[in-house]
Amino acid sequence: MTNQMFEKVQKALETIRPYLMADGGDVELVNVSDEGIVEVRLTGACSDCPMSQMTLRAGVERALIREIPGIRRVEAVN
């Protein structure tokens, strides 16, 4: 992973973060692989929310894939 790609993902997450924080949650960037796999940690209310997988796919993943060429998937890690 390049620092530039990590920074692009971090910047894109900043646009998503206010929506998560409005519900008491947040997202932390863990890693971006050379294959375009982004690893994030959902925190706060998002960490144990039953809808967190939907938030991850429909919100976080969709936004990152739309904003950053080369991103293929977003995975939640503990």
PDB file of N, CA and C in Angstrom:
ATOM      1  N   MET A   1       0.842  -1.186   0.000  1.00  0.00           N
ATOM      2  CA  MET A   1       0.000   0.000   0.000  1.00  0.00           C
ATOM      3  C   MET A   1       0.882   1.243   0.000  1.00  0.00           C
ATOM      4  N   THR A   2       0.458   2.204  -0.739  1.00  0.00           N
ATOM      5  CA  THR A   2       1.204   3.461  -0.770  1.00  0.00           C
ATOM      6  C   THR A   2       0.612   4.430   0.248  1.00  0.00           C
ATOM      7  N   ASN A   3       1.454   5.324   0.721  1.00  0.00           N
ATOM      8  CA  ASN A   3       0.971   6.352   1.641  1.00  0.00           C
ATOM      9  C   ASN A   3      -0.084   7.218   0.976  1.00  0.00           C
ATOM     10  N   GLN A   4       0.078   7.441  -0.325  1.00  0.00           N
ATOM     11  CA  GLN A   4      -0.864   8.281  -1.056  1.00  0.00           C
ATOM     12  C   GLN A   4      -2.256   7.637  -1.058  1.00  0.00           C
ATOM     13  N   MET A   5      -2.323   6.330  -1.287  1.00  0.00           N
ATOM     14  CA  MET A   5      -3.614   5.640  -1.297  1.00  0.00           C
ATOM     15  C   MET A   5      -4.231   5.665   0.103  1.00  0.00           C
ATOM     16  N   PHE A   6      -3.421   5.436   1.132  1.00  0.00           N
ATOM     17  CA  PHE A   6      -3.896   5.476   2.517  1.00  0.00           C
ATOM     18  C   PHE A   6      -4.504   6.843   2.813  1.00  0.00           C
ATOM     19  N   GLU A   7      -3.820   7.894   2.379  1.00  0.00           N
ATOM     20  CA  GLU A   7      -4.304   9.259   2.619  1.00  0.00           C
ATOM     21  C   GLU A   7      -5.599   9.541   1.854  1.00  0.00           C
ATOM     22  N   LYS A   8      -5.721   9.024   0.632  1.00  0.00           N
ATOM     23  CA  LYS A   8      -6.963   9.203  -0.141  1.00  0.00           C
ATOM     24  C   LYS A   8      -8.136   8.538   0.565  1.00  0.00           C
ATOM     25  N   VAL A   9      -7.901   7.328   1.069  1.00  0.00           N
ATOM     26  CA  VAL A   9      -8.969   6.610   1.777  1.00  0.00           C
ATOM     27  C   VAL A   9      -9.328   7.349   3.051  1.00  0.00           C
ATOM     28  N   GLN A  10      -8.318   7.805   3.768  1.00  0.00           N
ATOM     29  CA  GLN A  10      -8.554   8.555   5.010  1.00  0.00           C
ATOM     30  C   GLN A  10      -9.399   9.804   4.735  1.00  0.00           C
ATOM     31  N   LYS A  11      -9.080  10.507   3.659  1.00  0.00           N
ATOM     32  CA  LYS A  11      -9.819  11.721   3.298  1.00  0.00           C
ATOM     33  C   LYS A  11     -11.263  11.379   2.924  1.00  0.00           C
ATOM     34  N   ALA A  12     -11.465  10.292   2.186  1.00  0.00           N
ATOM     35  CA  ALA A  12     -12.819   9.879   1.811  1.00  0.00           C
ATOM     36  C   ALA A  12     -13.618   9.476   3.046  1.00  0.00           C
ATOM     37  N   LEU A  13     -12.968   8.831   4.004  1.00  0.00           N
ATOM     38  CA  LEU A  13     -13.663   8.440   5.237  1.00  0.00           C
ATOM     39  C   LEU A  13     -14.124   9.661   6.020  1.00  0.00           C
ATOM     40  N   GLU A  14     -13.395  10.764   5.904  1.00  0.00           N
ATOM     41  CA  GLU A  14     -13.785  11.996   6.593  1.00  0.00           C
ATOM     42  C   GLU A  14     -15.153  12.493   6.123  1.00  0.00           C
ATOM     43  N   THR A  15     -15.511  12.204   4.872  1.00  0.00           N
ATOM     44  CA  THR A  15     -16.808  12.637   4.365  1.00  0.00           C
ATOM     45  C   THR A  15     -17.942  11.753   4.886  1.00  0.00           C
ATOM     46  N   ILE A  16     -17.612  10.533   5.260  1.00  0.00           N
ATOM     47  CA  ILE A  16     -18.600   9.575   5.766  1.00  0.00           C
ATOM     48  C   ILE A  16     -18.769   9.699   7.285  1.00  0.00           C
ATOM     49  N   ARG A  17     -17.693  10.037   7.938  1.00  0.00           N
ATOM     50  CA  ARG A  17     -17.632  10.069   9.410  1.00  0.00           C
ATOM     51  C   ARG A  17     -18.775  10.842  10.078  1.00  0.00           C
ATOM     52  N   PRO A  18     -19.178  12.019   9.594  1.00  0.00           N
ATOM     53  CA  PRO A  18     -20.270  12.745  10.279  1.00  0.00           C
ATOM     54  C   PRO A  18     -21.576  11.954  10.356  1.00  0.00           C
ATOM     55  N   TYR A  19     -21.856  11.154   9.332  1.00  0.00           N
ATOM     56  CA  TYR A  19     -23.082  10.349   9.349  1.00  0.00           C
ATOM     57  C   TYR A  19     -23.008   9.257  10.408  1.00  0.00           C
ATOM     58  N   LEU A  20     -21.850   8.655  10.557  1.00  0.00           N
ATOM     59  CA  LEU A  20     -21.668   7.626  11.587  1.00  0.00           C
ATOM     60  C   LEU A  20     -21.714   8.250  12.981  1.00  0.00           C
ATOM     61  N   MET A  21     -21.077   9.408  13.122  1.00  0.00           N
ATOM     62  CA  MET A  21     -21.026  10.071  14.425  1.00  0.00           C
ATOM     63  C   MET A  21     -22.413  10.541  14.868  1.00  0.00           C
ATOM     64  N   ALA A  22     -23.268  10.859  13.914  1.00  0.00           N
ATOM     65  CA  ALA A  22     -24.628  11.282  14.250  1.00  0.00           C
ATOM     66  C   ALA A  22     -25.390  10.171  14.976  1.00  0.00           C
ATOM     67  N   ASP A  23     -24.993   8.935  14.727  1.00  0.00           N
ATOM     68  CA  ASP A  23     -25.615   7.789  15.392  1.00  0.00           C
ATOM     69  C   ASP A  23     -24.750   7.226  16.518  1.00  0.00           C
ATOM     70  N   GLY A  24     -23.713   7.969  16.904  1.00  0.00           N
ATOM     71  CA  GLY A  24     -22.865   7.553  18.019  1.00  0.00           C
ATOM     72  C   GLY A  24     -21.747   6.605  17.642  1.00  0.00           C
ATOM     73  N   GLY A  25     -21.458   6.473  16.349  1.00  0.00           N
ATOM     74  CA  GLY A  25     -20.404   5.566  15.904  1.00  0.00           C
ATOM     75  C   GLY A  25     -19.270   6.303  15.227  1.00  0.00           C
ATOM     76  N   ASP A  26     -18.332   5.529  14.717  1.00  0.00           N
ATOM     77  CA  ASP A  26     -17.197   6.089  13.994  1.00  0.00           C
ATOM     78  C   ASP A  26     -16.530   4.963  13.215  1.00  0.00           C
ATOM     79  N   VAL A  27     -15.577   5.328  12.371  1.00  0.00           N
ATOM     80  CA  VAL A  27     -14.829   4.358  11.589  1.00  0.00           C
ATOM     81  C   VAL A  27     -13.352   4.725  11.659  1.00  0.00           C
ATOM     82  N   GLU A  28     -12.512   3.706  11.803  1.00  0.00           N
ATOM     83  CA  GLU A  28     -11.071   3.897  11.903  1.00  0.00           C
ATOM     84  C   GLU A  28     -10.407   3.106  10.774  1.00  0.00           C
ATOM     85  N   LEU A  29      -9.558   3.753  10.002  1.00  0.00           N
ATOM     86  CA  LEU A  29      -8.841   3.087   8.921  1.00  0.00           C
ATOM     87  C   LEU A  29      -7.693   2.272   9.499  1.00  0.00           C
ATOM     88  N   VAL A  30      -7.654   0.981   9.163  1.00  0.00           N
ATOM     89  CA  VAL A  30      -6.617   0.086   9.665  1.00  0.00           C
ATOM     90  C   VAL A  30      -5.556  -0.156   8.607  1.00  0.00           C
ATOM     91  N   ASN A  31      -5.988  -0.494   7.382  1.00  0.00           N
ATOM     92  CA  ASN A  31      -5.029  -0.855   6.340  1.00  0.00           C
ATOM     93  C   ASN A  31      -5.670  -0.719   4.967  1.00  0.00           C
ATOM     94  N   VAL A  32      -4.826  -0.483   3.962  1.00  0.00           N
ATOM     95  CA  VAL A  32      -5.236  -0.527   2.565  1.00  0.00           C
ATOM     96  C   VAL A  32      -4.219  -1.415   1.863  1.00  0.00           C
ATOM     97  N   SER A  33      -4.684  -2.540   1.319  1.00  0.00           N
ATOM     98  CA  SER A  33      -3.754  -3.475   0.676  1.00  0.00           C
ATOM     99  C   SER A  33      -3.468  -3.051  -0.757  1.00  0.00           C
ATOM    100  N   ASP A  34      -2.411  -3.617  -1.327  1.00  0.00           N
ATOM    101  CA  ASP A  34      -2.059  -3.345  -2.714  1.00  0.00           C
ATOM    102  C   ASP A  34      -3.132  -3.859  -3.671  1.00  0.00           C
ATOM    103  N   GLU A  35      -3.961  -4.785  -3.204  1.00  0.00           N
ATOM    104  CA  GLU A  35      -5.035  -5.354  -4.024  1.00  0.00           C
ATOM    105  C   GLU A  35      -6.318  -4.524  -3.968  1.00  0.00           C
ATOM    106  N   GLY A  36      -6.313  -3.428  -3.229  1.00  0.00           N
ATOM    107  CA  GLY A  36      -7.487  -2.567  -3.149  1.00  0.00           C
ATOM    108  C   GLY A  36      -8.483  -2.977  -2.083  1.00  0.00           C
ATOM    109  N   ILE A  37      -8.024  -3.738  -1.091  1.00  0.00           N
ATOM    110  CA  ILE A  37      -8.878  -4.139   0.024  1.00  0.00           C
ATOM    111  C   ILE A  37      -8.629  -3.170   1.180  1.00  0.00           C
ATOM    112  N   VAL A  38      -9.692  -2.522   1.633  1.00  0.00           N
ATOM    113  CA  VAL A  38      -9.602  -1.566   2.735  1.00  0.00           C
ATOM    114  C   VAL A  38     -10.094  -2.247   4.002  1.00  0.00           C
ATOM    115  N   GLU A  39      -9.301  -2.195   5.055  1.00  0.00           N
ATOM    116  CA  GLU A  39      -9.698  -2.737   6.353  1.00  0.00           C
ATOM    117  C   GLU A  39     -10.007  -1.575   7.285  1.00  0.00           C
ATOM    118  N   VAL A  40     -11.201  -1.629   7.867  1.00  0.00           N
ATOM    119  CA  VAL A  40     -11.620  -0.592   8.802  1.00  0.00           C
ATOM    120  C   VAL A  40     -12.113  -1.228  10.090  1.00  0.00           C
ATOM    121  N   ARG A  41     -12.100  -0.436  11.137  1.00  0.00           N
ATOM    122  CA  ARG A  41     -12.649  -0.857  12.426  1.00  0.00           C
ATOM    123  C   ARG A  41     -13.811   0.071  12.739  1.00  0.00           C
ATOM    124  N   LEU A  42     -14.992  -0.503  12.891  1.00  0.00           N
ATOM    125  CA  LEU A  42     -16.154   0.287  13.297  1.00  0.00           C
ATOM    126  C   LEU A  42     -16.099   0.428  14.812  1.00  0.00           C
ATOM    127  N   THR A  43     -16.301   1.649  15.299  1.00  0.00           N
ATOM    128  CA  THR A  43     -16.180   1.902  16.733  1.00  0.00           C
ATOM    129  C   THR A  43     -17.444   2.574  17.259  1.00  0.00           C
ATOM    130  N   GLY A  44     -17.487   2.736  18.563  1.00  0.00           N
ATOM    131  CA  GLY A  44     -18.643   3.360  19.202  1.00  0.00           C
ATOM    132  C   GLY A  44     -19.883   2.520  18.998  1.00  0.00           C
ATOM    133  N   ALA A  45     -20.998   3.163  18.742  1.00  0.00           N
ATOM    134  CA  ALA A  45     -22.267   2.459  18.561  1.00  0.00           C
ATOM    135  C   ALA A  45     -22.220   1.522  17.355  1.00  0.00           C
ATOM    136  N   CYS A  46     -21.357   1.809  16.375  1.00  0.00           N
ATOM    137  CA  CYS A  46     -21.267   0.968  15.174  1.00  0.00           C
ATOM    138  C   CYS A  46     -20.619  -0.385  15.463  1.00  0.00           C
ATOM    139  N   SER A  47     -19.839  -0.477  16.516  1.00  0.00           N
ATOM    140  CA  SER A  47     -19.097  -1.720  16.768  1.00  0.00           C
ATOM    141  C   SER A  47     -20.005  -2.896  17.085  1.00  0.00           C
ATOM    142  N   ASP A  48     -21.152  -2.662  17.709  1.00  0.00           N
ATOM    143  CA  ASP A  48     -22.029  -3.778  18.048  1.00  0.00           C
ATOM    144  C   ASP A  48     -23.451  -3.601  17.513  1.00  0.00           C
ATOM    145  N   CYS A  49     -23.595  -2.731  16.533  1.00  0.00           N
ATOM    146  CA  CYS A  49     -24.912  -2.497  15.935  1.00  0.00           C
ATOM    147  C   CYS A  49     -25.269  -3.638  14.990  1.00  0.00           C
ATOM    148  N   PRO A  50     -26.507  -4.132  15.069  1.00  0.00           N
ATOM    149  CA  PRO A  50     -26.916  -5.211  14.169  1.00  0.00           C
ATOM    150  C   PRO A  50     -26.931  -4.786  12.694  1.00  0.00           C
ATOM    151  N   MET A  51     -26.953  -3.501  12.440  1.00  0.00           N
ATOM    152  CA  MET A  51     -26.977  -3.007  11.060  1.00  0.00           C
ATOM    153  C   MET A  51     -25.576  -2.647  10.549  1.00  0.00           C
ATOM    154  N   SER A  52     -24.543  -2.973  11.302  1.00  0.00           N
ATOM    155  CA  SER A  52     -23.193  -2.538  10.934  1.00  0.00           C
ATOM    156  C   SER A  52     -22.733  -3.095   9.590  1.00  0.00           C
ATOM    157  N   GLN A  53     -23.104  -4.321   9.242  1.00  0.00           N
ATOM    158  CA  GLN A  53     -22.700  -4.858   7.935  1.00  0.00           C
ATOM    159  C   GLN A  53     -23.347  -4.085   6.792  1.00  0.00           C
ATOM    160  N   MET A  54     -24.591  -3.683   6.992  1.00  0.00           N
ATOM    161  CA  MET A  54     -25.255  -2.887   5.973  1.00  0.00           C
ATOM    162  C   MET A  54     -24.593  -1.511   5.853  1.00  0.00           C
ATOM    163  N   THR A  55     -24.253  -0.924   6.981  1.00  0.00           N
ATOM    164  CA  THR A  55     -23.551   0.362   6.980  1.00  0.00           C
ATOM    165  C   THR A  55     -22.221   0.229   6.259  1.00  0.00           C
ATOM    166  N   LEU A  56     -21.526  -0.860   6.531  1.00  0.00           N
ATOM    167  CA  LEU A  56     -20.221  -1.090   5.922  1.00  0.00           C
ATOM    168  C   LEU A  56     -20.351  -1.204   4.408  1.00  0.00           C
ATOM    169  N   ARG A  57     -21.279  -2.011   3.921  1.00  0.00           N
ATOM    170  CA  ARG A  57     -21.431  -2.243   2.473  1.00  0.00           C
ATOM    171  C   ARG A  57     -22.102  -1.073   1.762  1.00  0.00           C
ATOM    172  N   ALA A  58     -23.258  -0.668   2.249  1.00  0.00           N
ATOM    173  CA  ALA A  58     -24.055   0.345   1.548  1.00  0.00           C
ATOM    174  C   ALA A  58     -23.502   1.751   1.732  1.00  0.00           C
ATOM    175  N   GLY A  59     -22.839   1.993   2.848  1.00  0.00           N
ATOM    176  CA  GLY A  59     -22.325   3.333   3.119  1.00  0.00           C
ATOM    177  C   GLY A  59     -20.844   3.463   2.838  1.00  0.00           C
ATOM    178  N   VAL A  60     -20.047   2.820   3.665  1.00  0.00           N
ATOM    179  CA  VAL A  60     -18.594   2.992   3.612  1.00  0.00           C
ATOM    180  C   VAL A  60     -18.020   2.438   2.304  1.00  0.00           C
ATOM    181  N   GLU A  61     -18.325   1.181   1.998  1.00  0.00           N
ATOM    182  CA  GLU A  61     -17.739   0.561   0.809  1.00  0.00           C
ATOM    183  C   GLU A  61     -18.163   1.290  -0.466  1.00  0.00           C
ATOM    184  N   ARG A  62     -19.440   1.562  -0.588  1.00  0.00           N
ATOM    185  CA  ARG A  62     -19.937   2.230  -1.797  1.00  0.00           C
ATOM    186  C   ARG A  62     -19.256   3.586  -1.990  1.00  0.00           C
ATOM    187  N   ALA A  63     -19.124   4.349  -0.918  1.00  0.00           N
ATOM    188  CA  ALA A  63     -18.500   5.678  -1.021  1.00  0.00           C
ATOM    189  C   ALA A  63     -17.031   5.579  -1.427  1.00  0.00           C
ATOM    190  N   LEU A  64     -16.314   4.630  -0.828  1.00  0.00           N
ATOM    191  CA  LEU A  64     -14.887   4.511  -1.146  1.00  0.00           C
ATOM    192  C   LEU A  64     -14.667   4.038  -2.574  1.00  0.00           C
ATOM    193  N   ILE A  65     -15.457   3.064  -3.023  1.00  0.00           N
ATOM    194  CA  ILE A  65     -15.313   2.568  -4.399  1.00  0.00           C
ATOM    195  C   ILE A  65     -15.646   3.671  -5.401  1.00  0.00           C
ATOM    196  N   ARG A  66     -16.646   4.467  -5.096  1.00  0.00           N
ATOM    197  CA  ARG A  66     -17.045   5.564  -5.983  1.00  0.00           C
ATOM    198  C   ARG A  66     -15.964   6.653  -6.039  1.00  0.00           C
ATOM    199  N   GLU A  67     -15.350   6.944  -4.897  1.00  0.00           N
ATOM    200  CA  GLU A  67     -14.407   8.053  -4.813  1.00  0.00           C
ATOM    201  C   GLU A  67     -12.982   7.715  -5.246  1.00  0.00           C
ATOM    202  N   ILE A  68     -12.573   6.457  -5.056  1.00  0.00           N
ATOM    203  CA  ILE A  68     -11.162   6.126  -5.242  1.00  0.00           C
ATOM    204  C   ILE A  68     -11.007   4.950  -6.208  1.00  0.00           C
ATOM    205  N   PRO A  69     -10.464   5.213  -7.389  1.00  0.00           N
ATOM    206  CA  PRO A  69     -10.204   4.114  -8.328  1.00  0.00           C
ATOM    207  C   PRO A  69      -9.233   3.107  -7.705  1.00  0.00           C
ATOM    208  N   GLY A  70      -9.508   1.850  -7.904  1.00  0.00           N
ATOM    209  CA  GLY A  70      -8.621   0.805  -7.387  1.00  0.00           C
ATOM    210  C   GLY A  70      -9.108   0.160  -6.109  1.00  0.00           C
ATOM    211  N   ILE A  71     -10.066   0.772  -5.431  1.00  0.00           N
ATOM    212  CA  ILE A  71     -10.631   0.155  -4.225  1.00  0.00           C
ATOM    213  C   ILE A  71     -11.643  -0.892  -4.677  1.00  0.00           C
ATOM    214  N   ARG A  72     -11.474  -2.124  -4.179  1.00  0.00           N
ATOM    215  CA  ARG A  72     -12.337  -3.223  -4.593  1.00  0.00           C
ATOM    216  C   ARG A  72     -13.312  -3.664  -3.517  1.00  0.00           C
ATOM    217  N   ARG A  73     -12.897  -3.572  -2.255  1.00  0.00           N
ATOM    218  CA  ARG A  73     -13.737  -4.095  -1.185  1.00  0.00           C
ATOM    219  C   ARG A  73     -13.331  -3.450   0.134  1.00  0.00           C
ATOM    220  N   VAL A  74     -14.306  -3.395   1.062  1.00  0.00           N
ATOM    221  CA  VAL A  74     -14.048  -2.910   2.412  1.00  0.00           C
ATOM    222  C   VAL A  74     -14.414  -4.023   3.377  1.00  0.00           C
ATOM    223  N   GLU A  75     -13.518  -4.300   4.313  1.00  0.00           N
ATOM    224  CA  GLU A  75     -13.746  -5.339   5.312  1.00  0.00           C
ATOM    225  C   GLU A  75     -13.614  -4.739   6.708  1.00  0.00           C
ATOM    226  N   ALA A  76     -14.456  -5.230   7.606  1.00  0.00           N
ATOM    227  CA  ALA A  76     -14.369  -4.814   9.013  1.00  0.00           C
ATOM    228  C   ALA A  76     -13.437  -5.767   9.742  1.00  0.00           C
ATOM    229  N   VAL A  77     -12.563  -5.210  10.554  1.00  0.00           N
ATOM    230  CA  VAL A  77     -11.662  -6.001  11.403  1.00  0.00           C
ATOM    231  C   VAL A  77     -11.869  -5.590  12.850  1.00  0.00           C
ATOM    232  N   ASN A  78     -11.470  -6.448  13.759  1.00  0.00           N
ATOM    233  CA  ASN A  78     -11.597  -6.141  15.193  1.00  0.00           C
ATOM    234  C   ASN A  78     -10.342  -5.513  15.732  1.00  0.00           C
TER     235      ASN A  78
END
